[in-house]
């Protein structure tokens, strides 16, 4: 059961889920009770997975994050193309570990997804000491610097609060 301060957020989520149900089913009257049950279940699960107030998006940081993502996506595509046509291939693969400032949670999960867009990187696992283990196509690439920039940009777009 949501707390009184989280009730408006829970109702908004429920309305979105019910609206989605209506769109998907064509608002057929026979399905409305099932839609209410599905919306209630989806809202309950969403509040457990992402509690109200756990993470908020700060719109001011989104343009910076979007520019970094576009630059990294273009750079990754260009880098892979150059490596694919190089003879002999320019590869020095390996595993690196980079420190993370973000606490565990949705923001860090989002960062790992963004880290997979960095040129030549593939996130492998979070380590207990707060570092992220990644596979790199070329250990000479400035991957740690690029990922620190991405993490800072993502941190500027999210506001994280801790709930006990």
C-alpha atoms as a PDB file:
ATOM      1  CA  UNK A   1       0.000   0.000   0.000  1.00  0.00           C
ATOM      2  CA  UNK A   2       1.501   3.348  -0.982  1.00  0.00           C
ATOM      3  CA  UNK A   3       2.163   5.948   1.685  1.00  0.00           C
ATOM      4  CA  UNK A   4      -0.082   9.039   1.661  1.00  0.00           C
ATOM      5  CA  UNK A   5       2.687  11.094  -0.003  1.00  0.00           C
ATOM      6  CA  UNK A   6       3.072   8.460  -2.738  1.00  0.00           C
ATOM      7  CA  UNK A   7      -0.658   8.072  -3.382  1.00  0.00           C
ATOM      8  CA  UNK A   8      -0.842  10.674  -6.202  1.00  0.00           C
ATOM      9  CA  UNK A   9       2.085   8.972  -7.969  1.00  0.00           C
ATOM     10  CA  UNK A  10       0.465   5.557  -7.531  1.00  0.00           C
ATOM     11  CA  UNK A  11      -2.824   6.840  -8.935  1.00  0.00           C
ATOM     12  CA  UNK A  12      -1.018   8.436 -11.879  1.00  0.00           C
ATOM     13  CA  UNK A  13       0.832   5.206 -12.636  1.00  0.00           C
ATOM     14  CA  UNK A  14      -2.395   3.239 -12.328  1.00  0.00           C
ATOM     15  CA  UNK A  15      -4.116   5.639 -14.728  1.00  0.00           C
ATOM     16  CA  UNK A  16      -1.281   5.237 -17.240  1.00  0.00           C
ATOM     17  CA  UNK A  17      -1.420   1.440 -17.008  1.00  0.00           C
ATOM     18  CA  UNK A  18      -5.211   1.434 -17.316  1.00  0.00           C
ATOM     19  CA  UNK A  19      -4.974   3.818 -20.275  1.00  0.00           C
ATOM     20  CA  UNK A  20      -2.486   1.479 -21.906  1.00  0.00           C
ATOM     21  CA  UNK A  21      -4.925  -1.395 -21.332  1.00  0.00           C
ATOM     22  CA  UNK A  22      -7.708   0.602 -22.980  1.00  0.00           C
ATOM     23  CA  UNK A  23      -5.535   1.387 -25.994  1.00  0.00           C
ATOM     24  CA  UNK A  24      -4.416  -2.221 -26.390  1.00  0.00           C
ATOM     25  CA  UNK A  25      -7.896  -3.722 -26.028  1.00  0.00           C
ATOM     26  CA  UNK A  26      -9.876  -1.060 -27.859  1.00  0.00           C
ATOM     27  CA  UNK A  27     -11.750  -0.084 -24.669  1.00  0.00           C
ATOM     28  CA  UNK A  28     -14.075  -3.045 -24.970  1.00  0.00           C
ATOM     29  CA  UNK A  29     -16.588  -2.872 -22.077  1.00  0.00           C
ATOM     30  CA  UNK A  30     -16.320  -6.589 -21.290  1.00  0.00           C
ATOM     31  CA  UNK A  31     -12.574  -6.187 -20.616  1.00  0.00           C
ATOM     32  CA  UNK A  32     -12.773  -3.193 -18.263  1.00  0.00           C
ATOM     33  CA  UNK A  33     -12.767  -5.230 -15.017  1.00  0.00           C
ATOM     34  CA  UNK A  34      -9.761  -7.173 -16.263  1.00  0.00           C
ATOM     35  CA  UNK A  35      -8.083  -3.902 -17.196  1.00  0.00           C
ATOM     36  CA  UNK A  36      -8.595  -2.542 -13.697  1.00  0.00           C
ATOM     37  CA  UNK A  37      -7.102  -5.700 -12.196  1.00  0.00           C
ATOM     38  CA  UNK A  38      -4.154  -5.603 -14.622  1.00  0.00           C
ATOM     39  CA  UNK A  39      -3.566  -1.897 -13.926  1.00  0.00           C
ATOM     40  CA  UNK A  40      -3.658  -2.524 -10.165  1.00  0.00           C
ATOM     41  CA  UNK A  41      -1.140  -5.393 -10.471  1.00  0.00           C
ATOM     42  CA  UNK A  42       1.132  -3.401 -12.799  1.00  0.00           C
ATOM     43  CA  UNK A  43       1.032  -0.395 -10.461  1.00  0.00           C
ATOM     44  CA  UNK A  44       1.844  -2.541  -7.428  1.00  0.00           C
ATOM     45  CA  UNK A  45       4.790  -4.146  -9.214  1.00  0.00           C
ATOM     46  CA  UNK A  46       6.039  -0.819 -10.565  1.00  0.00           C
ATOM     47  CA  UNK A  47       5.977   0.715  -7.079  1.00  0.00           C
ATOM     48  CA  UNK A  48       8.032  -2.210  -5.774  1.00  0.00           C
ATOM     49  CA  UNK A  49      10.574  -2.033  -8.613  1.00  0.00           C
ATOM     50  CA  UNK A  50      10.815   1.779  -8.724  1.00  0.00           C
ATOM     51  CA  UNK A  51       9.494   3.314  -5.505  1.00  0.00           C
ATOM     52  CA  UNK A  52       7.991   6.774  -5.649  1.00  0.00           C
ATOM     53  CA  UNK A  53      10.723   9.388  -5.374  1.00  0.00           C
ATOM     54  CA  UNK A  54      13.594   6.918  -5.875  1.00  0.00           C
ATOM     55  CA  UNK A  55      14.750   8.603  -9.047  1.00  0.00           C
ATOM     56  CA  UNK A  56      13.610  11.672 -10.928  1.00  0.00           C
ATOM     57  CA  UNK A  57      14.666  13.049 -14.271  1.00  0.00           C
ATOM     58  CA  UNK A  58      16.044  16.587 -14.307  1.00  0.00           C
ATOM     59  CA  UNK A  59      15.234  17.923 -17.794  1.00  0.00           C
ATOM     60  CA  UNK A  60      18.128  20.407 -17.758  1.00  0.00           C
ATOM     61  CA  UNK A  61      20.715  17.639 -18.072  1.00  0.00           C
ATOM     62  CA  UNK A  62      18.988  15.747 -20.884  1.00  0.00           C
ATOM     63  CA  UNK A  63      20.488  17.763 -23.788  1.00  0.00           C
ATOM     64  CA  UNK A  64      24.030  17.132 -22.525  1.00  0.00           C
ATOM     65  CA  UNK A  65      23.290  13.429 -22.091  1.00  0.00           C
ATOM     66  CA  UNK A  66      21.706  13.232 -25.558  1.00  0.00           C
ATOM     67  CA  UNK A  67      24.762  14.874 -27.148  1.00  0.00           C
ATOM     68  CA  UNK A  68      27.123  12.481 -25.370  1.00  0.00           C
ATOM     69  CA  UNK A  69      25.025   9.487 -26.454  1.00  0.00           C
ATOM     70  CA  UNK A  70      24.924  10.661 -30.073  1.00  0.00           C
ATOM     71  CA  UNK A  71      28.653  11.327 -30.094  1.00  0.00           C
ATOM     72  CA  UNK A  72      29.420   7.932 -28.551  1.00  0.00           C
ATOM     73  CA  UNK A  73      27.051   6.090 -30.887  1.00  0.00           C
ATOM     74  CA  UNK A  74      28.589   7.754 -33.953  1.00  0.00           C
ATOM     75  CA  UNK A  75      32.097   7.207 -32.588  1.00  0.00           C
ATOM     76  CA  UNK A  76      31.348   3.545 -31.846  1.00  0.00           C
ATOM     77  CA  UNK A  77      29.994   2.936 -35.342  1.00  0.00           C
ATOM     78  CA  UNK A  78      32.945   4.694 -36.973  1.00  0.00           C
ATOM     79  CA  UNK A  79      35.435   2.857 -34.761  1.00  0.00           C
ATOM     80  CA  UNK A  80      33.921  -0.554 -35.527  1.00  0.00           C
ATOM     81  CA  UNK A  81      33.891   0.215 -39.268  1.00  0.00           C
ATOM     82  CA  UNK A  82      37.566   1.240 -39.210  1.00  0.00           C
ATOM     83  CA  UNK A  83      38.514  -1.867 -37.243  1.00  0.00           C
ATOM     84  CA  UNK A  84      36.492  -4.118 -39.570  1.00  0.00           C
ATOM     85  CA  UNK A  85      38.344  -2.867 -42.665  1.00  0.00           C
ATOM     86  CA  UNK A  86      41.808  -2.548 -41.113  1.00  0.00           C
ATOM     87  CA  UNK A  87      44.442  -5.109 -42.010  1.00  0.00           C
ATOM     88  CA  UNK A  88      45.595  -6.485 -39.703  1.00  0.00           C
ATOM     89  CA  UNK A  89      42.689  -5.764 -37.354  1.00  0.00           C
ATOM     90  CA  UNK A  90      43.477  -3.219 -34.633  1.00  0.00           C
ATOM     91  CA  UNK A  91      42.371  -5.115 -31.568  1.00  0.00           C
ATOM     92  CA  UNK A  92      43.829  -5.464 -28.101  1.00  0.00           C
ATOM     93  CA  UNK A  93      40.841  -6.919 -26.249  1.00  0.00           C
ATOM     94  CA  UNK A  94      40.689  -7.269 -22.517  1.00  0.00           C
ATOM     95  CA  UNK A  95      38.738  -6.638 -19.373  1.00  0.00           C
ATOM     96  CA  UNK A  96      38.961  -3.393 -17.415  1.00  0.00           C
ATOM     97  CA  UNK A  97      37.368  -2.183 -14.223  1.00  0.00           C
ATOM     98  CA  UNK A  98      36.162   1.385 -13.818  1.00  0.00           C
ATOM     99  CA  UNK A  99      35.046   3.055 -10.586  1.00  0.00           C
ATOM    100  CA  UNK A 100      31.442   4.180 -10.347  1.00  0.00           C
ATOM    101  CA  UNK A 101      30.120   7.055  -8.285  1.00  0.00           C
ATOM    102  CA  UNK A 102      26.452   6.148  -8.720  1.00  0.00           C
ATOM    103  CA  UNK A 103      24.826   4.088  -5.992  1.00  0.00           C
ATOM    104  CA  UNK A 104      23.133   0.826  -6.988  1.00  0.00           C
ATOM    105  CA  UNK A 105      19.643   1.334  -8.349  1.00  0.00           C
ATOM    106  CA  UNK A 106      17.814   2.496 -11.463  1.00  0.00           C
ATOM    107  CA  UNK A 107      20.313   5.244 -12.309  1.00  0.00           C
ATOM    108  CA  UNK A 108      23.213   2.774 -12.270  1.00  0.00           C
ATOM    109  CA  UNK A 109      21.191   0.340 -14.362  1.00  0.00           C
ATOM    110  CA  UNK A 110      20.640   3.133 -16.870  1.00  0.00           C
ATOM    111  CA  UNK A 111      24.346   3.913 -16.825  1.00  0.00           C
ATOM    112  CA  UNK A 112      25.205   0.297 -17.644  1.00  0.00           C
ATOM    113  CA  UNK A 113      22.846   0.470 -20.618  1.00  0.00           C
ATOM    114  CA  UNK A 114      24.540   3.675 -21.796  1.00  0.00           C
ATOM    115  CA  UNK A 115      27.981   2.155 -21.206  1.00  0.00           C
ATOM    116  CA  UNK A 116      27.173  -0.507 -23.773  1.00  0.00           C
ATOM    117  CA  UNK A 117      26.971   2.314 -26.355  1.00  0.00           C
ATOM    118  CA  UNK A 118      30.518   3.457 -25.649  1.00  0.00           C
ATOM    119  CA  UNK A 119      32.902   2.511 -28.466  1.00  0.00           C
ATOM    120  CA  UNK A 120      34.234  -1.011 -28.012  1.00  0.00           C
ATOM    121  CA  UNK A 121      32.774  -1.687 -24.580  1.00  0.00           C
ATOM    122  CA  UNK A 122      30.467  -4.276 -23.105  1.00  0.00           C
ATOM    123  CA  UNK A 123      29.511  -4.084 -19.405  1.00  0.00           C
ATOM    124  CA  UNK A 124      29.988  -7.430 -17.684  1.00  0.00           C
ATOM    125  CA  UNK A 125      29.187  -7.029 -13.990  1.00  0.00           C
ATOM    126  CA  UNK A 126      28.999  -4.721 -11.010  1.00  0.00           C
ATOM    127  CA  UNK A 127      31.654  -5.507  -8.450  1.00  0.00           C
ATOM    128  CA  UNK A 128      30.906  -5.369  -4.705  1.00  0.00           C
ATOM    129  CA  UNK A 129      33.320  -2.451  -4.213  1.00  0.00           C
ATOM    130  CA  UNK A 130      31.376  -0.198  -6.589  1.00  0.00           C
ATOM    131  CA  UNK A 131      33.420  -0.748  -9.747  1.00  0.00           C
ATOM    132  CA  UNK A 132      32.071  -1.908 -13.093  1.00  0.00           C
ATOM    133  CA  UNK A 133      33.850  -4.657 -15.018  1.00  0.00           C
ATOM    134  CA  UNK A 134      33.787  -4.186 -18.796  1.00  0.00           C
ATOM    135  CA  UNK A 135      35.069  -5.988 -21.845  1.00  0.00           C
ATOM    136  CA  UNK A 136      36.974  -3.653 -24.176  1.00  0.00           C
ATOM    137  CA  UNK A 137      37.914  -4.217 -27.823  1.00  0.00           C
ATOM    138  CA  UNK A 138      41.067  -2.202 -27.379  1.00  0.00           C
ATOM    139  CA  UNK A 139      42.642  -1.557 -23.993  1.00  0.00           C
ATOM    140  CA  UNK A 140      44.418   1.502 -25.432  1.00  0.00           C
ATOM    141  CA  UNK A 141      41.085   3.328 -25.881  1.00  0.00           C
ATOM    142  CA  UNK A 142      40.233   6.003 -23.260  1.00  0.00           C
ATOM    143  CA  UNK A 143      37.228   4.006 -22.124  1.00  0.00           C
ATOM    144  CA  UNK A 144      37.447   4.929 -18.431  1.00  0.00           C
ATOM    145  CA  UNK A 145      37.487   8.662 -19.301  1.00  0.00           C
ATOM    146  CA  UNK A 146      34.535   8.315 -21.700  1.00  0.00           C
ATOM    147  CA  UNK A 147      32.509   6.357 -19.159  1.00  0.00           C
ATOM    148  CA  UNK A 148      33.245   8.885 -16.396  1.00  0.00           C
ATOM    149  CA  UNK A 149      31.878  11.597 -18.702  1.00  0.00           C
ATOM    150  CA  UNK A 150      28.757   9.517 -19.416  1.00  0.00           C
ATOM    151  CA  UNK A 151      28.221   8.813 -15.718  1.00  0.00           C
ATOM    152  CA  UNK A 152      28.536  12.512 -14.861  1.00  0.00           C
ATOM    153  CA  UNK A 153      26.060  13.421 -17.617  1.00  0.00           C
ATOM    154  CA  UNK A 154      23.591  10.813 -16.426  1.00  0.00           C
ATOM    155  CA  UNK A 155      24.006  11.939 -12.820  1.00  0.00           C
ATOM    156  CA  UNK A 156      23.122  15.478 -13.918  1.00  0.00           C
ATOM    157  CA  UNK A 157      19.831  14.221 -15.378  1.00  0.00           C
ATOM    158  CA  UNK A 158      18.688  12.174 -12.392  1.00  0.00           C
ATOM    159  CA  UNK A 159      18.058  13.026  -8.815  1.00  0.00           C
ATOM    160  CA  UNK A 160      18.279   9.986  -6.562  1.00  0.00           C
ATOM    161  CA  UNK A 161      16.892   9.795  -3.046  1.00  0.00           C
ATOM    162  CA  UNK A 162      17.332   6.953  -0.620  1.00  0.00           C
ATOM    163  CA  UNK A 163      14.349   5.281   0.999  1.00  0.00           C
ATOM    164  CA  UNK A 164      14.714   3.152   4.093  1.00  0.00           C
END
